[in-house]
Amino acid sequence: MTTASTDGTSLRERGLRVTSSRLAVLRALSEHPHATADDVVRAVRADLGSVSVQAVYDCLHALTSAGLLRRMEPAGHPARYERRTGDNHHHVVCRSCGAVADVDCTVGHAPCLTPSASHGFAVDLAEVTFWGLCPTCAVDPVPAAGPLSTTL
């Protein structure tokens, strides 16, 4: 579990100023991993009161660039953010409702997948997205023509 003190230290260690909005974004993503930017905006506003959408997007960008957040973009869904970084884990996404869950790397060290040809790249990450239906949608699927839900 993270605290404002450890989050503040993490921000300073990466050369970032400690601001209330950055701390609120980190708190929001601790409580709601795989949140969309819109989800984070709502959580930060509930936490701090008034904050601009642009300020939250700026925080998400800065925190991702600093390695404190990971951004994932499942095809056909909005980008999601999470605090779990540096362990090369993967994700499973429900193709009906958009729910996302972590899947630990199952073999060896990062990257857990070795490409057949690296073309000279120094590969340090493999992103795998598993697709299927979550337990809720497998029992009661959302109609294919219906809108995708991306809220937490």
Protein backbone atom coordinates (compact mmCIF):
# COMPACT_ATOMS: atom_id res chain seq x y z
CA MET A 1 0.00 0.00 0.00
CA THR A 2 1.27 3.45 -0.86
CA THR A 3 1.01 6.60 1.18
CA ALA A 4 1.34 10.29 0.38
CA SER A 5 4.80 10.16 1.98
CA THR A 6 6.06 7.29 -0.19
CA ASP A 7 4.34 8.76 -3.26
CA GLY A 8 6.02 12.09 -2.55
CA THR A 9 9.38 10.36 -2.27
CA SER A 10 8.78 8.51 -5.55
CA LEU A 11 7.92 11.77 -7.30
CA ARG A 12 11.02 13.53 -5.96
CA GLU A 13 13.27 10.58 -6.87
CA ARG A 14 12.14 10.95 -10.47
CA GLY A 15 12.68 14.70 -10.53
CA LEU A 16 8.99 15.62 -10.34
CA ARG A 17 7.47 18.23 -8.07
CA VAL A 18 5.11 16.91 -5.43
CA THR A 19 1.71 18.43 -6.17
CA SER A 20 -1.74 17.71 -4.81
CA SER A 21 -2.98 16.71 -8.26
CA ARG A 22 -0.13 14.25 -8.85
CA LEU A 23 -0.70 12.71 -5.43
CA ALA A 24 -4.46 12.52 -6.11
CA VAL A 25 -3.86 10.78 -9.46
CA LEU A 26 -1.59 8.25 -7.77
CA ARG A 27 -4.21 7.67 -5.04
CA ALA A 28 -6.97 7.24 -7.63
CA LEU A 29 -4.96 4.62 -9.50
CA SER A 30 -4.04 2.82 -6.28
CA GLU A 31 -7.75 2.45 -5.58
CA HIS A 32 -8.83 1.81 -9.19
CA PRO A 33 -6.19 0.07 -11.30
CA HIS A 34 -6.82 0.01 -15.07
CA ALA A 35 -8.78 3.27 -14.89
CA THR A 36 -9.40 5.42 -17.96
CA ALA A 37 -8.41 9.07 -17.95
CA ASP A 38 -12.09 9.99 -17.48
CA ASP A 39 -12.29 7.67 -14.47
CA VAL A 40 -9.18 9.33 -13.01
CA VAL A 41 -10.64 12.82 -13.59
CA ARG A 42 -13.80 11.84 -11.66
CA ALA A 43 -11.78 10.30 -8.81
CA VAL A 44 -9.42 13.28 -8.54
CA ARG A 45 -12.34 15.72 -8.54
CA ALA A 46 -14.02 13.69 -5.78
CA ASP A 47 -10.75 13.84 -3.83
CA LEU A 48 -9.67 17.44 -4.42
CA GLY A 49 -12.79 19.22 -5.57
CA SER A 50 -12.06 21.37 -8.57
CA VAL A 51 -9.37 20.25 -11.00
CA SER A 52 -9.21 20.70 -14.76
CA VAL A 53 -9.30 17.80 -17.18
CA GLN A 54 -6.06 19.13 -18.71
CA ALA A 55 -4.32 19.09 -15.31
CA VAL A 56 -5.20 15.40 -14.87
CA TYR A 57 -4.05 14.56 -18.41
CA ASP A 58 -0.79 16.44 -17.74
CA CYS A 59 -0.32 14.43 -14.53
CA LEU A 60 -1.01 11.14 -16.30
CA HIS A 61 1.53 12.02 -19.00
CA ALA A 62 4.22 13.14 -16.53
CA LEU A 63 3.72 10.14 -14.24
CA THR A 64 3.78 7.72 -17.18
CA SER A 65 6.92 9.33 -18.63
CA ALA A 66 8.59 9.08 -15.21
CA GLY A 67 7.78 5.36 -14.97
CA LEU A 68 5.36 5.70 -12.06
CA LEU A 69 2.39 4.67 -14.22
CA ARG A 70 1.90 2.28 -17.08
CA ARG A 71 -0.46 3.10 -19.95
CA MET A 72 -2.13 0.30 -21.85
CA GLU A 73 -4.34 0.63 -24.90
CA PRO A 74 -6.53 -2.38 -25.58
CA ALA A 75 -7.72 -2.29 -29.22
CA GLY A 76 -11.11 -0.63 -29.53
CA HIS A 77 -11.08 0.64 -25.94
CA PRO A 78 -9.83 3.84 -24.28
CA ALA A 79 -6.34 3.88 -22.81
CA ARG A 80 -6.09 2.61 -19.24
CA TYR A 81 -3.58 3.52 -16.55
CA GLU A 82 -2.16 1.50 -13.69
CA ARG A 83 0.50 1.80 -11.02
CA ARG A 84 1.89 -1.68 -11.50
CA THR A 85 5.07 -1.07 -13.47
CA GLY A 86 8.37 -2.76 -14.17
CA ASP A 87 7.29 -6.38 -13.90
CA ASN A 88 6.28 -7.07 -17.53
CA HIS A 89 2.85 -8.40 -16.60
CA HIS A 90 0.10 -8.73 -19.18
CA HIS A 91 -3.68 -8.17 -19.29
CA VAL A 92 -6.90 -9.97 -20.05
CA VAL A 93 -9.71 -7.82 -21.48
CA CYS A 94 -13.40 -8.65 -21.74
CA ARG A 95 -14.45 -8.06 -25.32
CA SER A 96 -18.01 -7.39 -24.18
CA CYS A 97 -17.81 -4.95 -21.23
CA GLY A 98 -14.14 -3.91 -21.38
CA ALA A 99 -13.19 -5.16 -17.89
CA VAL A 100 -9.41 -5.54 -17.48
CA ALA A 101 -7.41 -7.79 -15.14
CA ASP A 102 -3.70 -8.42 -14.68
CA VAL A 103 -2.07 -11.64 -15.86
CA ASP A 104 1.36 -12.38 -14.43
CA CYS A 105 4.14 -13.36 -16.79
CA THR A 106 4.21 -17.13 -16.67
CA VAL A 107 7.66 -18.02 -17.98
CA GLY A 108 11.12 -16.77 -17.09
CA HIS A 109 12.37 -13.23 -16.75
CA ALA A 110 11.29 -10.05 -18.54
CA PRO A 111 10.58 -10.14 -21.35
CA CYS A 112 8.78 -13.45 -20.96
CA LEU A 113 8.37 -13.71 -24.72
CA THR A 114 11.44 -13.78 -26.91
CA PRO A 115 10.91 -12.65 -30.52
CA SER A 116 12.09 -14.95 -33.28
CA ALA A 117 13.97 -11.97 -34.75
CA SER A 118 14.77 -8.76 -32.85
CA HIS A 119 15.98 -6.86 -35.95
CA GLY A 120 18.69 -5.30 -33.81
CA PHE A 121 16.30 -3.95 -31.17
CA ALA A 122 17.20 -4.29 -27.49
CA VAL A 123 13.89 -5.83 -26.45
CA ASP A 124 12.94 -5.09 -22.83
CA LEU A 125 9.15 -5.50 -22.81
CA ALA A 126 6.60 -7.83 -24.32
CA GLU A 127 2.95 -6.75 -24.25
CA VAL A 128 0.37 -9.47 -24.52
CA THR A 129 -3.36 -8.86 -24.32
CA PHE A 130 -5.59 -11.85 -23.80
CA TRP A 131 -9.20 -11.38 -24.96
CA GLY A 132 -12.32 -13.17 -23.84
CA LEU A 133 -15.44 -12.75 -21.76
CA CYS A 134 -15.32 -11.88 -18.07
CA PRO A 135 -17.31 -14.14 -15.71
CA THR A 136 -20.28 -11.74 -15.66
CA CYS A 137 -20.49 -11.39 -19.45
CA ALA A 138 -19.95 -15.12 -19.99
CA VAL A 139 -23.16 -15.72 -18.01
CA ASP A 140 -25.15 -12.72 -19.28
CA PRO A 141 -23.43 -11.29 -22.40
CA VAL A 142 -24.00 -7.69 -23.43
CA PRO A 143 -25.52 -7.63 -26.94
CA ALA A 144 -22.82 -7.19 -29.59
CA ALA A 145 -24.53 -4.08 -30.97
CA GLY A 146 -24.66 -2.45 -27.50
CA PRO A 147 -22.18 0.14 -26.29
CA LEU A 148 -19.04 -0.92 -24.47
CA SER A 149 -18.88 0.01 -20.83
CA THR A 150 -15.49 1.26 -19.69
CA THR A 151 -16.36 2.53 -16.25
CA LEU A 152 -15.00 0.89 -13.14
